[in-house]
């Protein structure tokens, strides 16, 4: 068993100078929470953007007659 590392650790334990934080710990949490809310606001501002700028495209299947029923352009089940 080595006794010297334990003695060296005990001898230098009291001489270490601890660094103080520049602000209280709750301030770090408040800054992190405010940053999260700011980024959430930026994300929220882009909601539904793809649907606003996406133009619907009509697909023409080449059917000139209405052999598939009475599906018109206003029918929710019609192909876009």
C-alpha atoms as a PDB file:
ATOM      1  CA  UNK A   1       0.000   0.000   0.000  1.00  0.00           C
ATOM      2  CA  UNK A   2       1.390   3.343  -0.898  1.00  0.00           C
ATOM      3  CA  UNK A   3       1.253   5.944   1.805  1.00  0.00           C
ATOM      4  CA  UNK A   4       2.924   8.853  -0.023  1.00  0.00           C
ATOM      5  CA  UNK A   5       0.108   9.772  -2.472  1.00  0.00           C
ATOM      6  CA  UNK A   6      -2.333   9.992   0.432  1.00  0.00           C
ATOM      7  CA  UNK A   7      -0.005  12.272   2.397  1.00  0.00           C
ATOM      8  CA  UNK A   8       0.582  14.456  -0.703  1.00  0.00           C
ATOM      9  CA  UNK A   9      -3.152  14.735  -1.313  1.00  0.00           C
ATOM     10  CA  UNK A  10      -3.835  15.722   2.276  1.00  0.00           C
ATOM     11  CA  UNK A  11      -0.982  18.236   2.301  1.00  0.00           C
ATOM     12  CA  UNK A  12      -2.206  20.071  -0.822  1.00  0.00           C
ATOM     13  CA  UNK A  13      -5.945  19.871  -0.083  1.00  0.00           C
ATOM     14  CA  UNK A  14      -6.023  23.029   2.006  1.00  0.00           C
ATOM     15  CA  UNK A  15      -3.913  25.147  -0.344  1.00  0.00           C
ATOM     16  CA  UNK A  16      -6.232  25.025  -3.378  1.00  0.00           C
ATOM     17  CA  UNK A  17      -8.001  28.255  -4.145  1.00  0.00           C
ATOM     18  CA  UNK A  18     -11.544  27.732  -5.381  1.00  0.00           C
ATOM     19  CA  UNK A  19     -12.874  29.826  -8.230  1.00  0.00           C
ATOM     20  CA  UNK A  20     -16.022  31.735  -7.508  1.00  0.00           C
ATOM     21  CA  UNK A  21     -18.820  31.823 -10.057  1.00  0.00           C
ATOM     22  CA  UNK A  22     -19.394  35.238 -11.650  1.00  0.00           C
ATOM     23  CA  UNK A  23     -23.083  35.137 -10.638  1.00  0.00           C
ATOM     24  CA  UNK A  24     -25.398  33.017  -8.495  1.00  0.00           C
ATOM     25  CA  UNK A  25     -26.355  29.558  -9.815  1.00  0.00           C
ATOM     26  CA  UNK A  26     -30.011  30.543 -10.265  1.00  0.00           C
ATOM     27  CA  UNK A  27     -28.909  33.269 -12.715  1.00  0.00           C
ATOM     28  CA  UNK A  28     -27.383  30.645 -15.020  1.00  0.00           C
ATOM     29  CA  UNK A  29     -30.712  28.790 -14.994  1.00  0.00           C
ATOM     30  CA  UNK A  30     -32.606  32.026 -15.716  1.00  0.00           C
ATOM     31  CA  UNK A  31     -30.345  32.814 -18.684  1.00  0.00           C
ATOM     32  CA  UNK A  32     -30.756  29.279 -20.051  1.00  0.00           C
ATOM     33  CA  UNK A  33     -34.547  29.466 -19.667  1.00  0.00           C
ATOM     34  CA  UNK A  34     -34.719  32.900 -21.351  1.00  0.00           C
ATOM     35  CA  UNK A  35     -32.589  31.618 -24.236  1.00  0.00           C
ATOM     36  CA  UNK A  36     -34.886  28.608 -24.594  1.00  0.00           C
ATOM     37  CA  UNK A  37     -37.947  30.872 -24.717  1.00  0.00           C
ATOM     38  CA  UNK A  38     -36.292  33.129 -27.300  1.00  0.00           C
ATOM     39  CA  UNK A  39     -35.439  30.180 -29.548  1.00  0.00           C
ATOM     40  CA  UNK A  40     -38.950  28.788 -29.082  1.00  0.00           C
ATOM     41  CA  UNK A  41     -40.345  32.140 -30.227  1.00  0.00           C
ATOM     42  CA  UNK A  42     -38.178  32.048 -33.351  1.00  0.00           C
ATOM     43  CA  UNK A  43     -39.332  28.508 -34.094  1.00  0.00           C
ATOM     44  CA  UNK A  44     -42.974  29.456 -33.480  1.00  0.00           C
ATOM     45  CA  UNK A  45     -42.723  32.346 -35.945  1.00  0.00           C
ATOM     46  CA  UNK A  46     -42.048  29.870 -38.772  1.00  0.00           C
ATOM     47  CA  UNK A  47     -45.090  27.676 -38.099  1.00  0.00           C
ATOM     48  CA  UNK A  48     -47.165  26.723 -41.159  1.00  0.00           C
ATOM     49  CA  UNK A  49     -44.699  28.452 -43.497  1.00  0.00           C
ATOM     50  CA  UNK A  50     -44.447  25.497 -45.880  1.00  0.00           C
ATOM     51  CA  UNK A  51     -48.225  25.340 -46.319  1.00  0.00           C
ATOM     52  CA  UNK A  52     -48.398  29.071 -47.056  1.00  0.00           C
ATOM     53  CA  UNK A  53     -45.898  29.003 -49.907  1.00  0.00           C
ATOM     54  CA  UNK A  54     -46.662  25.580 -51.331  1.00  0.00           C
ATOM     55  CA  UNK A  55     -48.890  25.906 -54.420  1.00  0.00           C
ATOM     56  CA  UNK A  56     -51.250  22.984 -55.063  1.00  0.00           C
ATOM     57  CA  UNK A  57     -50.499  21.026 -58.234  1.00  0.00           C
ATOM     58  CA  UNK A  58     -53.283  19.468 -60.303  1.00  0.00           C
ATOM     59  CA  UNK A  59     -52.558  16.003 -61.717  1.00  0.00           C
ATOM     60  CA  UNK A  60     -54.087  15.278 -65.114  1.00  0.00           C
ATOM     61  CA  UNK A  61     -54.651  11.553 -65.590  1.00  0.00           C
ATOM     62  CA  UNK A  62     -55.649  11.964 -69.214  1.00  0.00           C
ATOM     63  CA  UNK A  63     -59.281  10.983 -68.572  1.00  0.00           C
ATOM     64  CA  UNK A  64     -61.551  13.205 -70.615  1.00  0.00           C
ATOM     65  CA  UNK A  65     -64.744  11.448 -69.520  1.00  0.00           C
ATOM     66  CA  UNK A  66     -66.028  11.172 -65.984  1.00  0.00           C
ATOM     67  CA  UNK A  67     -65.820   7.379 -65.733  1.00  0.00           C
ATOM     68  CA  UNK A  68     -64.668   7.355 -62.092  1.00  0.00           C
ATOM     69  CA  UNK A  69     -67.779   8.953 -60.641  1.00  0.00           C
ATOM     70  CA  UNK A  70     -68.669  12.522 -59.953  1.00  0.00           C
ATOM     71  CA  UNK A  71     -65.407  13.644 -58.355  1.00  0.00           C
ATOM     72  CA  UNK A  72     -65.060  17.276 -59.189  1.00  0.00           C
ATOM     73  CA  UNK A  73     -62.399  19.822 -58.321  1.00  0.00           C
ATOM     74  CA  UNK A  74     -64.231  20.825 -55.152  1.00  0.00           C
ATOM     75  CA  UNK A  75     -64.444  17.268 -53.814  1.00  0.00           C
ATOM     76  CA  UNK A  76     -62.081  16.729 -50.850  1.00  0.00           C
ATOM     77  CA  UNK A  77     -61.187  13.284 -52.223  1.00  0.00           C
ATOM     78  CA  UNK A  78     -60.153  14.611 -55.640  1.00  0.00           C
ATOM     79  CA  UNK A  79     -56.531  14.261 -56.713  1.00  0.00           C
ATOM     80  CA  UNK A  80     -54.500  17.427 -56.500  1.00  0.00           C
END
